[in-house]
């Protein structure tokens, strides 16, 4: 039996109990046996981006991030919008990917969990930065699934069947052969 492709899940939030992490935990819960998901948890450990440090040997947290991206068949992002753009910590993560080649041509999508009328700044910034990295944005897998706190169970996983179904479809689109 072939090894299922790995989809790396990147949360742009450092906040405990964030809706963005709930989206990604739900994606893990609904993933079919045809894919394997890995939730990246090193956002807080990344050093501030400095081009002078983007050389071998890379700082250990950066090397781990790039290895996780390299080992993945695809990447799914869920990030909040802060002050009309990406949170600084997540932009920092993306900055560390620009100097590498790991994300180049890799299928990438995002889930926008913001309330209606919010989150477009984060999406626009993602599109711009991912363009610089050469990522292959899978437009059909980029979705908006507003998450209300009442949709999240005590385990941090979303209970809404419509959201769960949409996340399953997003994973399938990311894992589909190109």
Protein backbone atom coordinates (compact mmCIF):
# COMPACT_ATOMS: atom_id res chain seq x y z
CA UNK A 1 0.00 0.00 0.00
CA UNK A 2 1.49 3.39 -0.98
CA UNK A 3 2.36 5.87 1.73
CA UNK A 4 -0.30 8.60 1.92
CA UNK A 5 0.88 12.11 1.08
CA UNK A 6 1.61 14.40 4.01
CA UNK A 7 -0.23 17.71 4.26
CA UNK A 8 1.53 20.14 6.56
CA UNK A 9 -0.89 22.30 8.56
CA UNK A 10 0.36 25.80 9.43
CA UNK A 11 -1.51 27.96 11.93
CA UNK A 12 -0.79 31.66 11.88
CA UNK A 13 -2.00 32.14 15.44
CA UNK A 14 -0.07 31.91 18.69
CA UNK A 15 -3.24 32.34 20.76
CA UNK A 16 -4.28 29.37 22.89
CA UNK A 17 -7.61 28.03 21.69
CA UNK A 18 -7.58 30.04 18.45
CA UNK A 19 -10.23 29.41 15.81
CA UNK A 20 -7.44 28.92 13.30
CA UNK A 21 -5.93 26.07 15.24
CA UNK A 22 -9.43 24.60 15.70
CA UNK A 23 -9.81 24.60 11.92
CA UNK A 24 -6.54 22.71 11.51
CA UNK A 25 -7.29 20.26 14.34
CA UNK A 26 -10.61 19.60 12.64
CA UNK A 27 -8.81 19.03 9.34
CA UNK A 28 -6.73 16.40 11.14
CA UNK A 29 -9.89 14.81 12.53
CA UNK A 30 -11.64 14.59 9.15
CA UNK A 31 -8.64 13.62 7.02
CA UNK A 32 -9.26 10.49 5.02
CA UNK A 33 -6.93 7.53 5.15
CA UNK A 34 -5.65 8.76 1.76
CA UNK A 35 -3.69 11.60 3.43
CA UNK A 36 -1.66 12.15 6.55
CA UNK A 37 -1.72 15.53 8.27
CA UNK A 38 1.03 17.05 10.40
CA UNK A 39 0.31 20.11 12.53
CA UNK A 40 3.37 22.36 12.73
CA UNK A 41 3.85 23.68 16.26
CA UNK A 42 7.09 25.66 16.02
CA UNK A 43 5.77 29.15 15.21
CA UNK A 44 6.70 30.64 18.59
CA UNK A 45 10.23 29.20 18.44
CA UNK A 46 11.24 30.83 15.15
CA UNK A 47 13.82 33.60 15.51
CA UNK A 48 13.15 37.00 13.99
CA UNK A 49 13.96 36.85 10.31
CA UNK A 50 17.36 38.28 9.47
CA UNK A 51 18.79 37.70 5.98
CA UNK A 52 22.26 37.45 7.53
CA UNK A 53 21.07 34.29 9.35
CA UNK A 54 19.55 32.71 6.23
CA UNK A 55 22.70 30.71 5.58
CA UNK A 56 23.97 27.26 6.48
CA UNK A 57 23.84 26.24 9.17
CA UNK A 58 20.33 27.61 9.61
CA UNK A 59 19.00 28.26 13.12
CA UNK A 60 17.57 24.93 14.34
CA UNK A 61 13.89 26.05 14.38
CA UNK A 62 14.23 27.35 10.80
CA UNK A 63 15.87 24.12 9.64
CA UNK A 64 13.00 22.17 11.25
CA UNK A 65 10.40 24.36 9.52
CA UNK A 66 12.03 23.97 6.13
CA UNK A 67 12.40 20.21 6.64
CA UNK A 68 8.69 19.92 7.54
CA UNK A 69 7.75 21.83 4.39
CA UNK A 70 10.15 19.78 2.28
CA UNK A 71 8.75 16.48 3.57
CA UNK A 72 5.14 17.53 2.91
CA UNK A 73 3.34 16.94 -0.35
CA UNK A 74 1.20 20.03 0.26
CA UNK A 75 0.61 22.82 2.80
CA UNK A 76 -2.64 24.06 4.31
CA UNK A 77 -2.60 27.43 6.11
CA UNK A 78 -5.14 28.91 8.48
CA UNK A 79 -4.20 32.32 9.84
CA UNK A 80 -6.01 35.22 11.42
CA UNK A 81 -5.92 38.72 10.08
CA UNK A 82 -4.35 41.31 12.35
CA UNK A 83 -4.46 45.04 11.56
CA UNK A 84 -5.49 44.26 7.98
CA UNK A 85 -2.71 41.78 7.20
CA UNK A 86 -0.96 38.70 8.58
CA UNK A 87 0.11 38.55 12.22
CA UNK A 88 3.81 39.44 12.49
CA UNK A 89 4.78 36.02 13.81
CA UNK A 90 3.27 34.27 10.80
CA UNK A 91 4.74 36.76 8.33
CA UNK A 92 8.06 35.96 10.02
CA UNK A 93 7.49 32.24 9.32
CA UNK A 94 6.79 33.01 5.67
CA UNK A 95 9.87 35.25 5.45
CA UNK A 96 11.98 32.25 6.47
CA UNK A 97 10.56 30.29 3.49
CA UNK A 98 11.54 32.88 0.86
CA UNK A 99 15.25 32.01 0.91
CA UNK A 100 14.64 28.28 0.64
CA UNK A 101 13.26 26.21 -2.22
CA UNK A 102 11.17 23.81 -0.16
CA UNK A 103 7.81 25.47 -0.86
CA UNK A 104 8.53 26.25 -4.52
CA UNK A 105 5.99 24.46 -6.77
CA UNK A 106 4.40 22.84 -3.69
CA UNK A 107 0.56 22.84 -3.62
CA UNK A 108 -0.61 25.35 -1.00
CA UNK A 109 -4.06 26.51 0.08
CA UNK A 110 -5.59 28.41 2.95
CA UNK A 111 -8.74 28.40 4.98
CA UNK A 112 -10.10 31.77 6.07
CA UNK A 113 -11.99 31.27 9.35
CA UNK A 114 -12.79 34.97 9.85
CA UNK A 115 -16.29 36.36 10.14
CA UNK A 116 -17.98 37.61 7.00
CA UNK A 117 -16.31 40.75 5.65
CA UNK A 118 -13.02 40.06 7.45
CA UNK A 119 -9.78 38.34 6.52
CA UNK A 120 -9.28 39.65 2.98
CA UNK A 121 -6.08 41.47 4.01
CA UNK A 122 -4.56 38.24 5.29
CA UNK A 123 -5.56 36.44 2.09
CA UNK A 124 -4.05 39.17 -0.09
CA UNK A 125 -0.80 39.11 1.86
CA UNK A 126 -0.65 35.31 1.69
CA UNK A 127 -1.14 35.44 -2.06
CA UNK A 128 1.67 38.02 -2.42
CA UNK A 129 4.22 36.27 -0.22
CA UNK A 130 3.43 32.80 -1.55
CA UNK A 131 3.94 34.24 -5.04
CA UNK A 132 7.47 35.24 -4.06
CA UNK A 133 8.18 31.75 -2.78
CA UNK A 134 6.95 30.09 -5.98
CA UNK A 135 4.28 28.08 -4.15
CA UNK A 136 1.57 26.52 -6.30
CA UNK A 137 -1.61 28.09 -4.91
CA UNK A 138 -4.50 25.66 -5.37
CA UNK A 139 -7.32 28.16 -5.84
CA UNK A 140 -10.10 25.57 -5.64
CA UNK A 141 -8.85 24.49 -2.20
CA UNK A 142 -8.73 28.05 -0.76
CA UNK A 143 -11.96 28.46 1.16
CA UNK A 144 -13.78 30.67 3.61
CA UNK A 145 -15.39 28.81 6.52
CA UNK A 146 -16.32 31.33 9.20
CA UNK A 147 -15.95 29.72 12.61
CA UNK A 148 -18.14 30.77 15.49
CA UNK A 149 -16.90 29.78 18.96
CA UNK A 150 -20.12 27.80 19.53
CA UNK A 151 -19.06 25.48 16.69
CA UNK A 152 -15.99 24.35 18.63
CA UNK A 153 -16.27 21.45 21.04
CA UNK A 154 -14.39 21.17 24.34
CA UNK A 155 -11.64 19.24 22.53
CA UNK A 156 -10.95 22.21 20.23
CA UNK A 157 -12.43 20.46 17.20
CA UNK A 158 -15.26 21.98 15.15
CA UNK A 159 -18.53 20.05 15.35
CA UNK A 160 -20.35 21.75 12.45
CA UNK A 161 -20.85 19.12 9.73
CA UNK A 162 -20.74 21.65 6.88
CA UNK A 163 -17.34 22.95 8.00
CA UNK A 164 -16.04 19.42 8.52
CA UNK A 165 -17.19 18.40 5.02
CA UNK A 166 -15.57 21.49 3.45
CA UNK A 167 -12.26 20.79 5.21
CA UNK A 168 -12.33 17.20 3.94
CA UNK A 169 -12.82 18.48 0.39
CA UNK A 170 -9.98 20.98 0.81
CA UNK A 171 -7.61 18.23 1.93
CA UNK A 172 -8.65 16.04 -1.00
CA UNK A 173 -8.02 18.88 -3.47
CA UNK A 174 -4.57 19.49 -2.00
CA UNK A 175 -3.67 15.80 -2.12
CA UNK A 176 -4.95 15.27 -5.67
CA UNK A 177 -2.28 14.54 -8.29
CA UNK A 178 -1.30 17.57 -10.39
